[in-house]
Amino acid sequence: MSAAAEAMHKAVFAALAANPGVKAALGDPPRLYDDAPPGAAFPYAILGEGRASPLAGLDGAVEHDIRIGIFSRHAGRAEIRRLIDAVYDALHEAAFAIEGHRLVGIRFVFADAFRRGADDLYQGAVRFRAVTEVSA
């Protein structure tokens, strides 16, 4: 199952990095990281923690919980909401290749935008649910 999770992580990263809306929002190449480097320019996104679990009754099928964090220092939540929209447009019901697996589907679950601490850092949290199966 870890192979499915790793393949999904790489495919989601590639889908986001190639998307014109994400590039418009986060630069070209987009400021999209597994972990932001020290001093990273804002805004940026992190393809963060996720979870993968087998789907009962479907041999080789895996359910993925995909979590994306978005960070901004722009005053207010407007930029965060715009970035959430770009990520949504790039991934919700998208079709993309996953090495060794077939994407059955990927759907938006929820998003949240909030101020983090007192230092004018705003964060967005976006989650998707995807299902993959081993390709033949």
Protein backbone atom coordinates (compact mmCIF):
# COMPACT_ATOMS: atom_id res chain seq x y z
CA MET A 1 0.00 0.00 0.00
CA SER A 2 2.91 2.39 0.58
CA ALA A 3 3.70 2.13 -3.14
CA ALA A 4 0.18 3.37 -3.95
CA ALA A 5 0.54 6.25 -1.47
CA GLU A 6 3.92 7.30 -2.86
CA ALA A 7 2.71 7.05 -6.46
CA MET A 8 -0.37 9.14 -5.58
CA HIS A 9 1.76 11.78 -3.83
CA LYS A 10 3.98 12.14 -6.89
CA ALA A 11 1.01 12.28 -9.27
CA VAL A 12 -0.84 14.93 -7.23
CA PHE A 13 2.34 16.99 -6.98
CA ALA A 14 2.83 16.76 -10.77
CA ALA A 15 -0.83 17.60 -11.48
CA LEU A 16 -0.66 20.70 -9.29
CA ALA A 17 2.72 21.80 -10.66
CA ALA A 18 1.50 21.52 -14.27
CA ASN A 19 -1.82 23.30 -13.76
CA PRO A 20 -2.01 26.82 -15.30
CA GLY A 21 -4.25 28.13 -12.49
CA VAL A 22 -1.87 26.89 -9.81
CA LYS A 23 1.06 28.42 -11.70
CA ALA A 24 -0.79 31.74 -11.93
CA ALA A 25 -1.43 31.65 -8.17
CA LEU A 26 1.89 30.25 -6.92
CA GLY A 27 4.39 31.23 -9.63
CA ASP A 28 5.99 29.29 -12.46
CA PRO A 29 7.35 26.94 -11.36
CA PRO A 30 4.83 26.97 -8.51
CA ARG A 31 6.00 27.37 -4.93
CA LEU A 32 4.77 23.89 -4.07
CA TYR A 33 6.72 21.86 -1.53
CA ASP A 34 6.78 18.71 0.54
CA ASP A 35 8.22 20.94 3.26
CA ALA A 36 8.81 24.65 2.69
CA PRO A 37 12.45 25.68 2.77
CA PRO A 38 13.52 28.35 5.27
CA GLY A 39 12.68 31.79 3.92
CA ALA A 40 10.28 30.50 1.25
CA ALA A 41 8.49 33.29 -0.60
CA PHE A 42 4.76 33.65 0.04
CA PRO A 43 2.29 32.46 -0.98
CA TYR A 44 3.16 28.77 -1.17
CA ALA A 45 1.54 25.37 -0.77
CA ILE A 46 2.65 22.17 0.90
CA LEU A 47 1.48 18.76 -0.21
CA GLY A 48 1.26 17.58 3.34
CA GLU A 49 0.23 14.67 5.43
CA GLY A 50 -2.00 12.09 3.96
CA ARG A 51 -3.40 8.71 4.69
CA ALA A 52 -3.90 5.61 2.58
CA SER A 53 -6.01 2.62 3.50
CA PRO A 54 -7.22 -0.45 1.65
CA LEU A 55 -10.81 -0.51 0.48
CA ALA A 56 -12.54 -3.56 1.89
CA GLY A 57 -13.76 -6.01 -0.71
CA LEU A 58 -11.76 -4.53 -3.58
CA ASP A 59 -8.42 -6.28 -3.96
CA GLY A 60 -5.68 -3.73 -4.71
CA ALA A 61 -7.93 -0.68 -4.26
CA VAL A 62 -6.70 2.08 -1.97
CA GLU A 63 -8.48 5.10 -0.52
CA HIS A 64 -6.27 8.20 -0.19
CA ASP A 65 -6.82 11.17 2.12
CA ILE A 66 -4.85 14.03 0.53
CA ARG A 67 -4.08 17.16 2.54
CA ILE A 68 -2.72 20.39 1.13
CA GLY A 69 -1.68 23.38 3.23
CA ILE A 70 -1.60 26.87 1.73
CA PHE A 71 0.23 29.78 3.38
CA SER A 72 0.00 33.52 2.76
CA ARG A 73 1.01 36.79 4.40
CA HIS A 74 -1.49 38.80 2.34
CA ALA A 75 -3.78 40.74 4.65
CA GLY A 76 -7.07 38.92 4.99
CA ARG A 77 -8.31 35.62 3.66
CA ALA A 78 -8.99 36.65 0.04
CA GLU A 79 -5.68 35.33 -1.28
CA ILE A 80 -6.07 32.06 0.62
CA ARG A 81 -9.54 31.58 -0.88
CA ARG A 82 -8.18 32.30 -4.38
CA LEU A 83 -5.42 29.72 -3.85
CA ILE A 84 -7.92 27.17 -2.53
CA ASP A 85 -9.96 27.70 -5.71
CA ALA A 86 -6.87 27.07 -7.87
CA VAL A 87 -6.10 23.81 -6.05
CA TYR A 88 -9.75 22.74 -6.27
CA ASP A 89 -9.86 23.45 -10.01
CA ALA A 90 -6.65 21.45 -10.52
CA LEU A 91 -7.69 18.33 -8.61
CA HIS A 92 -11.47 17.94 -8.17
CA GLU A 93 -12.66 15.18 -10.51
CA ALA A 94 -9.35 15.41 -12.39
CA ALA A 95 -7.90 12.64 -14.51
CA PHE A 96 -4.16 12.06 -14.29
CA ALA A 97 -1.71 9.19 -14.54
CA ILE A 98 -0.37 7.41 -11.47
CA GLU A 99 2.60 5.12 -11.94
CA GLY A 100 1.53 1.49 -11.50
CA HIS A 101 -2.02 2.46 -10.56
CA ARG A 102 -5.24 3.74 -12.07
CA LEU A 103 -7.06 6.71 -10.63
CA VAL A 104 -10.67 5.68 -10.06
CA GLY A 105 -11.58 9.17 -8.89
CA ILE A 106 -10.56 12.19 -6.84
CA ARG A 107 -13.04 14.51 -5.12
CA PHE A 108 -12.90 17.58 -2.95
CA VAL A 109 -13.80 16.98 0.71
CA PHE A 110 -13.43 20.39 2.40
CA ALA A 111 -11.40 23.57 2.71
CA ASP A 112 -10.84 26.01 5.52
CA ALA A 113 -9.17 29.43 5.64
CA PHE A 114 -7.93 30.91 8.91
CA ARG A 115 -5.45 33.25 10.52
CA ARG A 116 -2.58 31.46 12.19
CA GLY A 117 -1.17 33.20 15.23
CA ALA A 118 -0.63 36.93 15.58
CA ASP A 119 2.03 37.40 12.90
CA ASP A 120 -0.28 37.96 9.89
CA LEU A 121 0.16 34.43 8.60
CA TYR A 122 -2.94 33.05 6.93
CA GLN A 123 -3.40 29.38 6.20
CA GLY A 124 -5.70 27.32 4.06
CA ALA A 125 -6.33 23.63 4.55
CA VAL A 126 -7.70 21.60 1.65
CA ARG A 127 -8.58 17.91 1.63
CA PHE A 128 -9.39 15.50 -1.16
CA ARG A 129 -10.41 11.85 -1.21
CA ALA A 130 -9.12 9.67 -4.01
CA VAL A 131 -9.39 6.00 -4.88
CA THR A 132 -6.81 4.08 -6.88
CA GLU A 133 -6.47 0.51 -8.00
CA VAL A 134 -3.49 -1.44 -9.23
CA SER A 135 -3.25 -1.14 -13.00
CA ALA A 136 -3.30 -4.31 -15.03
